[in-house]
Amino acid sequence: MIHETNECLRIGDWKCAEKNVRELLKSEPNDTNLQMHMAGILFEQERYKECINYIETLSFKHQDLDYLVKKSNALEQELKNLGVEKSMHFRLEFDGGPSKKDVMEALAVLEVAYDSISNLFDYLPENKMSLVLYEDKEYQGTGPRPDWVAAVFDGKLRVPVNLMAYRDVYRPVLFHELTHSFVRAMTHANVPCWMNEGIAQVIDGSHNNEERPLGAYPSVESLRKPFVKEKDSATVKMLYWFSRRMVEELLWRDGGGPDAFRKFAKCLQDLRELGMEGSLKKHYETTAQDLLESVR
């Protein structure tokens, strides 16, 4: 059952995971690891009130549980305050007064992007995805962020509604953020930032012809950790450029066609068990450092 539960968690089958974790908790009711999984499973199913109430019954404290309570309260408030439109694969929430045209255009672009990315990765997410078109900064997501960040993915795709006035901007942004959503759905793992941002840039296609920015080469460690913690815009450009080139190099080694993207998707999915270096070794016979050196 533990093996089956881990597989359910890996692929995001939350109903299966909940059923198994509840069963395991019957025999191990005080297992804090199972209890934390239970809280996370309720959160992933957007059962925010249940998640909060469940955490309040637990006899221990943990920063991850504190985050789930904070995030659940914020998302529960969003559900009350935001307008909603739905399509086959998306739930779109919005504040302010975006036009019906903007809302439906965003959903149409997302559905096209969904089909494209699912074909590239040969993967269909289990659950419907959410997009927030925000005007008020209250809905731009929790946590501090530098000024250069506009759109983000934090479990929901969050895009400022004013981008909808610029077709050449919002389409790649939606493709970019949706790629992050697919990566999360596929992996449920700690994905190195260069892999996550690199594949998102390749798919959004907006920076494919940019030359390398001037400045010092980044380290593997700086490419691995979240870029949103970096405030210097020149450094950020360098990190994004190398991320894209490193992922392009992996794709080009296999011809850059559909099979190359599917192989990259399998590399992402193996991160959970093998880690970055182990998965790169298995699928590409390389290391992150060697890959970085090859694109300098």
Foldseek 3Di string as FASTA:
>chain_A
DVVVLVVCVFLVVLVSNLVVLVVVCVVVVQPVVSLLVNLVSCVLVLVLVVSLVSLVPHPDDDVSSVVSNVVSVLVVVQVVAWDWDDDDQEIETEDDDDDPVLVVVLVVLLVVLQVVLCLLQVDDFPHRAYEYAYADPSPQDDDDFAPVDAWACDSHTYHHSVCSVPVLPVSLSSSLRVQLVVLCSNAVAQFFQLQNLQVSCVRSVPCVPDDAQDDDADDSVCRRDDPRVDHDVSVSSNSSVLSNQLLVVQLVVVPVDSVSSNLSSVLSNCCRPQNQQRSCCVRPVDGSRVSSVVRD
